[in-house]
ModelCIF file with pLDDT and N, C-alpha, C, O atoms, coordinates in Angstrom:
data_MODEL
#
_entry.id   MODEL 
#
_entity.id                         1 
_entity.type                       polymer 
_entity.pdbx_number_of_molecules   1 
#
_entity_poly.entity_id                      1 
_entity_poly.type                           'polypeptide(L)' 
_entity_poly.nstd_linkage                   no 
_entity_poly.nstd_monomer                   no 
_entity_poly.pdbx_seq_one_letter_code       GVGLAVAKRIIDLHQGRIQVSSGGGKTVFSVS 
_entity_poly.pdbx_seq_one_letter_code_can   GVGLAVAKRIIDLHQGRIQVSSGGGKTVFSVS 
_entity_poly.pdbx_strand_id                 A 
#
loop_
_entity_poly_seq.entity_id 
_entity_poly_seq.num 
_entity_poly_seq.mon_id 
_entity_poly_seq.hetero 
1 1  GLY n 
1 2  VAL n 
1 3  GLY n 
1 4  LEU n 
1 5  ALA n 
1 6  VAL n 
1 7  ALA n 
1 8  LYS n 
1 9  ARG n 
1 10 ILE n 
1 11 ILE n 
1 12 ASP n 
1 13 LEU n 
1 14 HIS n 
1 15 GLN n 
1 16 GLY n 
1 17 ARG n 
1 18 ILE n 
1 19 GLN n 
1 20 VAL n 
1 21 SER n 
1 22 SER n 
1 23 GLY n 
1 24 GLY n 
1 25 GLY n 
1 26 LYS n 
1 27 THR n 
1 28 VAL n 
1 29 PHE n 
1 30 SER n 
1 31 VAL n 
1 32 SER n 
#
_struct_asym.id          A 
_struct_asym.entity_id   1 
#
loop_
_ma_qa_metric.id 
_ma_qa_metric.mode 
_ma_qa_metric.name 
_ma_qa_metric.software_group_id 
_ma_qa_metric.type 
1 global pLDDT . pLDDT 
2 local  pLDDT . pLDDT 
#
_ma_qa_metric_global.metric_id      1 
_ma_qa_metric_global.metric_value   88.44 
_ma_qa_metric_global.model_id       1 
_ma_qa_metric_global.ordinal_id     1 
#
loop_
_ma_qa_metric_local.label_asym_id 
_ma_qa_metric_local.label_comp_id 
_ma_qa_metric_local.label_seq_id 
_ma_qa_metric_local.metric_id 
_ma_qa_metric_local.metric_value 
_ma_qa_metric_local.model_id 
_ma_qa_metric_local.ordinal_id 
A GLY 1  2 53.00 1 1  
A VAL 2  2 69.00 1 2  
A GLY 3  2 79.00 1 3  
A LEU 4  2 85.00 1 4  
A ALA 5  2 84.00 1 5  
A VAL 6  2 85.00 1 6  
A ALA 7  2 89.00 1 7  
A LYS 8  2 90.00 1 8  
A ARG 9  2 88.00 1 9  
A ILE 10 2 90.00 1 10 
A ILE 11 2 92.00 1 11 
A ASP 12 2 90.00 1 12 
A LEU 13 2 89.00 1 13 
A HIS 14 2 91.00 1 14 
A GLN 15 2 90.00 1 15 
A GLY 16 2 93.00 1 16 
A ARG 17 2 92.00 1 17 
A ILE 18 2 92.00 1 18 
A GLN 19 2 92.00 1 19 
A VAL 20 2 92.00 1 20 
A SER 21 2 91.00 1 21 
A SER 22 2 90.00 1 22 
A GLY 23 2 89.00 1 23 
A GLY 24 2 89.00 1 24 
A GLY 25 2 89.00 1 25 
A LYS 26 2 92.00 1 26 
A THR 27 2 93.00 1 27 
A VAL 28 2 94.00 1 28 
A PHE 29 2 95.00 1 29 
A SER 30 2 94.00 1 30 
A VAL 31 2 95.00 1 31 
A SER 32 2 94.00 1 32 
#
loop_
_atom_site.group_PDB 
_atom_site.id 
_atom_site.type_symbol 
_atom_site.label_atom_id 
_atom_site.label_alt_id 
_atom_site.label_comp_id 
_atom_site.label_asym_id 
_atom_site.label_entity_id 
_atom_site.label_seq_id 
_atom_site.pdbx_PDB_ins_code 
_atom_site.Cartn_x 
_atom_site.Cartn_y 
_atom_site.Cartn_z 
_atom_site.occupancy 
_atom_site.B_iso_or_equiv 
_atom_site.pdbx_formal_charge 
_atom_site.auth_seq_id 
_atom_site.auth_comp_id 
_atom_site.auth_asym_id 
_atom_site.auth_atom_id 
_atom_site.pdbx_PDB_model_num 
ATOM 1   N N  . GLY A 1 1  ? -12.418 -7.179 2.549   1.00 53.00 ? 1  GLY A N  1 
ATOM 2   C CA . GLY A 1 1  ? -11.053 -7.719 2.672   1.00 53.00 ? 1  GLY A CA 1 
ATOM 3   C C  . GLY A 1 1  ? -10.322 -7.735 1.245   1.00 53.00 ? 1  GLY A C  1 
ATOM 4   O O  . GLY A 1 1  ? -9.368  -8.486 1.046   1.00 53.00 ? 1  GLY A O  1 
ATOM 5   N N  . VAL A 1 2  ? -10.815 -6.871 0.268   1.00 69.00 ? 2  VAL A N  1 
ATOM 6   C CA . VAL A 1 2  ? -9.894  -7.141 -1.066  1.00 69.00 ? 2  VAL A CA 1 
ATOM 7   C C  . VAL A 1 2  ? -9.508  -5.607 -1.297  1.00 69.00 ? 2  VAL A C  1 
ATOM 8   O O  . VAL A 1 2  ? -8.707  -5.443 -2.217  1.00 69.00 ? 2  VAL A O  1 
ATOM 9   N N  . GLY A 1 3  ? -9.802  -4.806 -0.835  1.00 79.00 ? 3  GLY A N  1 
ATOM 10  C CA . GLY A 1 3  ? -9.598  -3.168 -1.229  1.00 79.00 ? 3  GLY A CA 1 
ATOM 11  C C  . GLY A 1 3  ? -7.708  -3.066 -1.226  1.00 79.00 ? 3  GLY A C  1 
ATOM 12  O O  . GLY A 1 3  ? -7.198  -2.369 -2.104  1.00 79.00 ? 3  GLY A O  1 
ATOM 13  N N  . LEU A 1 4  ? -7.020  -3.607 -0.466  1.00 85.00 ? 4  LEU A N  1 
ATOM 14  C CA . LEU A 1 4  ? -5.484  -3.402 -0.396  1.00 85.00 ? 4  LEU A CA 1 
ATOM 15  C C  . LEU A 1 4  ? -4.830  -4.356 -1.230  1.00 85.00 ? 4  LEU A C  1 
ATOM 16  O O  . LEU A 1 4  ? -3.704  -4.119 -1.668  1.00 85.00 ? 4  LEU A O  1 
ATOM 17  N N  . ALA A 1 5  ? -5.529  -5.573 -1.527  1.00 84.00 ? 5  ALA A N  1 
ATOM 18  C CA . ALA A 1 5  ? -5.375  -6.479 -2.509  1.00 84.00 ? 5  ALA A CA 1 
ATOM 19  C C  . ALA A 1 5  ? -5.233  -5.971 -3.943  1.00 84.00 ? 5  ALA A C  1 
ATOM 20  O O  . ALA A 1 5  ? -4.353  -6.152 -4.784  1.00 84.00 ? 5  ALA A O  1 
ATOM 21  N N  . VAL A 1 6  ? -6.573  -5.160 -3.959  1.00 85.00 ? 6  VAL A N  1 
ATOM 22  C CA . VAL A 1 6  ? -6.799  -4.354 -5.384  1.00 85.00 ? 6  VAL A CA 1 
ATOM 23  C C  . VAL A 1 6  ? -5.625  -3.529 -5.472  1.00 85.00 ? 6  VAL A C  1 
ATOM 24  O O  . VAL A 1 6  ? -4.854  -3.631 -6.427  1.00 85.00 ? 6  VAL A O  1 
ATOM 25  N N  . ALA A 1 7  ? -5.442  -2.693 -4.502  1.00 89.00 ? 7  ALA A N  1 
ATOM 26  C CA . ALA A 1 7  ? -4.280  -1.494 -4.775  1.00 89.00 ? 7  ALA A CA 1 
ATOM 27  C C  . ALA A 1 7  ? -3.109  -2.041 -5.020  1.00 89.00 ? 7  ALA A C  1 
ATOM 28  O O  . ALA A 1 7  ? -2.366  -1.596 -5.894  1.00 89.00 ? 7  ALA A O  1 
ATOM 29  N N  . LYS A 1 8  ? -2.801  -3.103 -4.251  1.00 90.00 ? 8  LYS A N  1 
ATOM 30  C CA . LYS A 1 8  ? -0.902  -3.646 -4.750  1.00 90.00 ? 8  LYS A CA 1 
ATOM 31  C C  . LYS A 1 8  ? -1.300  -4.340 -5.974  1.00 90.00 ? 8  LYS A C  1 
ATOM 32  O O  . LYS A 1 8  ? -0.241  -4.526 -6.573  1.00 90.00 ? 8  LYS A O  1 
ATOM 33  N N  . ARG A 1 9  ? -2.230  -4.808 -6.643  1.00 88.00 ? 9  ARG A N  1 
ATOM 34  C CA . ARG A 1 9  ? -2.036  -5.395 -8.047  1.00 88.00 ? 9  ARG A CA 1 
ATOM 35  C C  . ARG A 1 9  ? -1.912  -4.393 -8.876  1.00 88.00 ? 9  ARG A C  1 
ATOM 36  O O  . ARG A 1 9  ? -1.100  -4.421 -9.800  1.00 88.00 ? 9  ARG A O  1 
ATOM 37  N N  . ILE A 1 10 ? -2.879  -3.168 -8.589  1.00 90.00 ? 10 ILE A N  1 
ATOM 38  C CA . ILE A 1 10 ? -2.615  -2.092 -9.796  1.00 90.00 ? 10 ILE A CA 1 
ATOM 39  C C  . ILE A 1 10 ? -1.403  -1.246 -9.592  1.00 90.00 ? 10 ILE A C  1 
ATOM 40  O O  . ILE A 1 10 ? -0.918  -0.761 -10.614 1.00 90.00 ? 10 ILE A O  1 
ATOM 41  N N  . ILE A 1 11 ? -0.776  -0.960 -8.343  1.00 92.00 ? 11 ILE A N  1 
ATOM 42  C CA . ILE A 1 11 ? 0.476   -0.605 -8.164  1.00 92.00 ? 11 ILE A CA 1 
ATOM 43  C C  . ILE A 1 11 ? 1.787   -1.427 -8.722  1.00 92.00 ? 11 ILE A C  1 
ATOM 44  O O  . ILE A 1 11 ? 2.903   -0.971 -8.972  1.00 92.00 ? 11 ILE A O  1 
ATOM 45  N N  . ASP A 1 12 ? 1.311   -2.785 -8.841  1.00 90.00 ? 12 ASP A N  1 
ATOM 46  C CA . ASP A 1 12 ? 2.588   -3.465 -9.205  1.00 90.00 ? 12 ASP A CA 1 
ATOM 47  C C  . ASP A 1 12 ? 2.346   -3.482 -11.017 1.00 90.00 ? 12 ASP A C  1 
ATOM 48  O O  . ASP A 1 12 ? 3.326   -3.628 -11.746 1.00 90.00 ? 12 ASP A O  1 
ATOM 49  N N  . LEU A 1 13 ? 1.093   -3.333 -11.534 1.00 89.00 ? 13 LEU A N  1 
ATOM 50  C CA . LEU A 1 13 ? 1.150   -3.351 -12.785 1.00 89.00 ? 13 LEU A CA 1 
ATOM 51  C C  . LEU A 1 13 ? 1.439   -1.812 -13.283 1.00 89.00 ? 13 LEU A C  1 
ATOM 52  O O  . LEU A 1 13 ? 1.245   -1.510 -14.461 1.00 89.00 ? 13 LEU A O  1 
ATOM 53  N N  . HIS A 1 14 ? 1.830   -1.024 -12.491 1.00 91.00 ? 14 HIS A N  1 
ATOM 54  C CA . HIS A 1 14 ? 2.455   0.290  -12.672 1.00 91.00 ? 14 HIS A CA 1 
ATOM 55  C C  . HIS A 1 14 ? 3.989   0.395  -12.410 1.00 91.00 ? 14 HIS A C  1 
ATOM 56  O O  . HIS A 1 14 ? 4.634   1.436  -12.533 1.00 91.00 ? 14 HIS A O  1 
ATOM 57  N N  . GLN A 1 15 ? 4.461   -0.742 -12.056 1.00 90.00 ? 15 GLN A N  1 
ATOM 58  C CA . GLN A 1 15 ? 5.941   -1.179 -11.753 1.00 90.00 ? 15 GLN A CA 1 
ATOM 59  C C  . GLN A 1 15 ? 6.351   -0.177 -10.717 1.00 90.00 ? 15 GLN A C  1 
ATOM 60  O O  . GLN A 1 15 ? 7.413   0.443  -10.779 1.00 90.00 ? 15 GLN A O  1 
ATOM 61  N N  . GLY A 1 16 ? 5.361   -0.031 -9.651  1.00 93.00 ? 16 GLY A N  1 
ATOM 62  C CA . GLY A 1 16 ? 5.509   0.765  -8.382  1.00 93.00 ? 16 GLY A CA 1 
ATOM 63  C C  . GLY A 1 16 ? 5.840   -0.272 -7.076  1.00 93.00 ? 16 GLY A C  1 
ATOM 64  O O  . GLY A 1 16 ? 6.354   -1.390 -7.115  1.00 93.00 ? 16 GLY A O  1 
ATOM 65  N N  . ARG A 1 17 ? 5.552   0.193  -6.374  1.00 92.00 ? 17 ARG A N  1 
ATOM 66  C CA . ARG A 1 17 ? 5.490   -0.587 -4.775  1.00 92.00 ? 17 ARG A CA 1 
ATOM 67  C C  . ARG A 1 17 ? 4.848   0.229  -3.880  1.00 92.00 ? 17 ARG A C  1 
ATOM 68  O O  . ARG A 1 17 ? 5.026   1.439  -4.019  1.00 92.00 ? 17 ARG A O  1 
ATOM 69  N N  . ILE A 1 18 ? 3.955   -0.262 -2.759  1.00 92.00 ? 18 ILE A N  1 
ATOM 70  C CA . ILE A 1 18 ? 3.075   -0.113 -1.887  1.00 92.00 ? 18 ILE A CA 1 
ATOM 71  C C  . ILE A 1 18 ? 3.467   -0.516 -0.465  1.00 92.00 ? 18 ILE A C  1 
ATOM 72  O O  . ILE A 1 18 ? 3.670   -1.715 -0.273  1.00 92.00 ? 18 ILE A O  1 
ATOM 73  N N  . GLN A 1 19 ? 3.600   0.361  0.582   1.00 92.00 ? 19 GLN A N  1 
ATOM 74  C CA . GLN A 1 19 ? 4.289   0.022  1.608   1.00 92.00 ? 19 GLN A CA 1 
ATOM 75  C C  . GLN A 1 19 ? 3.261   0.518  2.689   1.00 92.00 ? 19 GLN A C  1 
ATOM 76  O O  . GLN A 1 19 ? 2.350   1.330  2.524   1.00 92.00 ? 19 GLN A O  1 
ATOM 77  N N  . VAL A 1 20 ? 3.586   -0.101 3.737   1.00 92.00 ? 20 VAL A N  1 
ATOM 78  C CA . VAL A 1 20 ? 2.587   0.474  5.186   1.00 92.00 ? 20 VAL A CA 1 
ATOM 79  C C  . VAL A 1 20 ? 3.761   0.399  6.268   1.00 92.00 ? 20 VAL A C  1 
ATOM 80  O O  . VAL A 1 20 ? 4.717   -0.370 6.166   1.00 92.00 ? 20 VAL A O  1 
ATOM 81  N N  . SER A 1 21 ? 3.542   1.389  7.425   1.00 91.00 ? 21 SER A N  1 
ATOM 82  C CA . SER A 1 21 ? 4.324   1.573  8.690   1.00 91.00 ? 21 SER A CA 1 
ATOM 83  C C  . SER A 1 21 ? 3.314   1.982  9.497   1.00 91.00 ? 21 SER A C  1 
ATOM 84  O O  . SER A 1 21 ? 2.477   2.836  9.208   1.00 91.00 ? 21 SER A O  1 
ATOM 85  N N  . SER A 1 22 ? 3.406   1.280  10.659  1.00 90.00 ? 22 SER A N  1 
ATOM 86  C CA . SER A 1 22 ? 2.089   1.728  11.675  1.00 90.00 ? 22 SER A CA 1 
ATOM 87  C C  . SER A 1 22 ? 3.085   1.694  13.186  1.00 90.00 ? 22 SER A C  1 
ATOM 88  O O  . SER A 1 22 ? 3.821   0.730  13.397  1.00 90.00 ? 22 SER A O  1 
ATOM 89  N N  . GLY A 1 23 ? 3.002   2.714  14.043  1.00 89.00 ? 23 GLY A N  1 
ATOM 90  C CA . GLY A 1 23 ? 3.358   2.788  15.260  1.00 89.00 ? 23 GLY A CA 1 
ATOM 91  C C  . GLY A 1 23 ? 3.139   3.733  15.928  1.00 89.00 ? 23 GLY A C  1 
ATOM 92  O O  . GLY A 1 23 ? 3.031   4.781  15.292  1.00 89.00 ? 23 GLY A O  1 
ATOM 93  N N  . GLY A 1 24 ? 2.999   3.809  17.219  1.00 89.00 ? 24 GLY A N  1 
ATOM 94  C CA . GLY A 1 24 ? 2.836   5.109  18.135  1.00 89.00 ? 24 GLY A CA 1 
ATOM 95  C C  . GLY A 1 24 ? 1.517   5.740  17.782  1.00 89.00 ? 24 GLY A C  1 
ATOM 96  O O  . GLY A 1 24 ? 1.469   6.952  17.991  1.00 89.00 ? 24 GLY A O  1 
ATOM 97  N N  . GLY A 1 25 ? 0.418   5.165  17.281  1.00 89.00 ? 25 GLY A N  1 
ATOM 98  C CA . GLY A 1 25 ? -0.831  5.671  17.103  1.00 89.00 ? 25 GLY A CA 1 
ATOM 99  C C  . GLY A 1 25 ? -0.998  6.447  15.572  1.00 89.00 ? 25 GLY A C  1 
ATOM 100 O O  . GLY A 1 25 ? -1.928  7.164  15.201  1.00 89.00 ? 25 GLY A O  1 
ATOM 101 N N  . LYS A 1 26 ? 0.186   6.062  14.854  1.00 92.00 ? 26 LYS A N  1 
ATOM 102 C CA . LYS A 1 26 ? 0.078   6.712  13.371  1.00 92.00 ? 26 LYS A CA 1 
ATOM 103 C C  . LYS A 1 26 ? 0.451   5.577  12.329  1.00 92.00 ? 26 LYS A C  1 
ATOM 104 O O  . LYS A 1 26 ? 1.396   4.799  12.459  1.00 92.00 ? 26 LYS A O  1 
ATOM 105 N N  . THR A 1 27 ? -0.277  5.605  11.472  1.00 93.00 ? 27 THR A N  1 
ATOM 106 C CA . THR A 1 27 ? -0.167  4.641  10.157  1.00 93.00 ? 27 THR A CA 1 
ATOM 107 C C  . THR A 1 27 ? -0.064  5.460  8.901   1.00 93.00 ? 27 THR A C  1 
ATOM 108 O O  . THR A 1 27 ? -0.818  6.414  8.714   1.00 93.00 ? 27 THR A O  1 
ATOM 109 N N  . VAL A 1 28 ? 0.853   5.104  8.043   1.00 94.00 ? 28 VAL A N  1 
ATOM 110 C CA . VAL A 1 28 ? 1.058   5.629  6.985   1.00 94.00 ? 28 VAL A CA 1 
ATOM 111 C C  . VAL A 1 28 ? 1.394   4.548  5.913   1.00 94.00 ? 28 VAL A C  1 
ATOM 112 O O  . VAL A 1 28 ? 2.186   3.614  6.037   1.00 94.00 ? 28 VAL A O  1 
ATOM 113 N N  . PHE A 1 29 ? 0.595   4.884  4.792   1.00 95.00 ? 29 PHE A N  1 
ATOM 114 C CA . PHE A 1 29 ? 0.404   3.751  3.565   1.00 95.00 ? 29 PHE A CA 1 
ATOM 115 C C  . PHE A 1 29 ? 1.133   4.837  2.519   1.00 95.00 ? 29 PHE A C  1 
ATOM 116 O O  . PHE A 1 29 ? 0.605   5.875  2.120   1.00 95.00 ? 29 PHE A O  1 
ATOM 117 N N  . SER A 1 30 ? 2.087   4.493  2.268   1.00 94.00 ? 30 SER A N  1 
ATOM 118 C CA . SER A 1 30 ? 3.002   5.212  1.100   1.00 94.00 ? 30 SER A CA 1 
ATOM 119 C C  . SER A 1 30 ? 2.969   4.392  -0.410  1.00 94.00 ? 30 SER A C  1 
ATOM 120 O O  . SER A 1 30 ? 3.236   3.193  -0.497  1.00 94.00 ? 30 SER A O  1 
ATOM 121 N N  . VAL A 1 31 ? 2.632   5.158  -1.460  1.00 95.00 ? 31 VAL A N  1 
ATOM 122 C CA . VAL A 1 31 ? 2.585   4.637  -2.875  1.00 95.00 ? 31 VAL A CA 1 
ATOM 123 C C  . VAL A 1 31 ? 3.971   5.286  -3.459  1.00 95.00 ? 31 VAL A C  1 
ATOM 124 O O  . VAL A 1 31 ? 4.228   6.488  -3.400  1.00 95.00 ? 31 VAL A O  1 
ATOM 125 N N  . SER A 1 32 ? 4.637   4.502  -3.911  1.00 94.00 ? 32 SER A N  1 
ATOM 126 C CA . SER A 1 32 ? 5.738   5.188  -5.059  1.00 94.00 ? 32 SER A CA 1 
ATOM 127 C C  . SER A 1 32 ? 5.567   4.489  -6.351  1.00 94.00 ? 32 SER A C  1 
ATOM 128 O O  . SER A 1 32 ? 6.250   4.811  -7.323  1.00 94.00 ? 32 SER A O  1 
#
């Protein structure tokens, strides 16, 4: 239960953002 927390902290350090959208049997994780 720490993998996504690790990912978010790393993306924050890179001054980026991470988002998730889910619905209709489709889940998308987007990292900018």
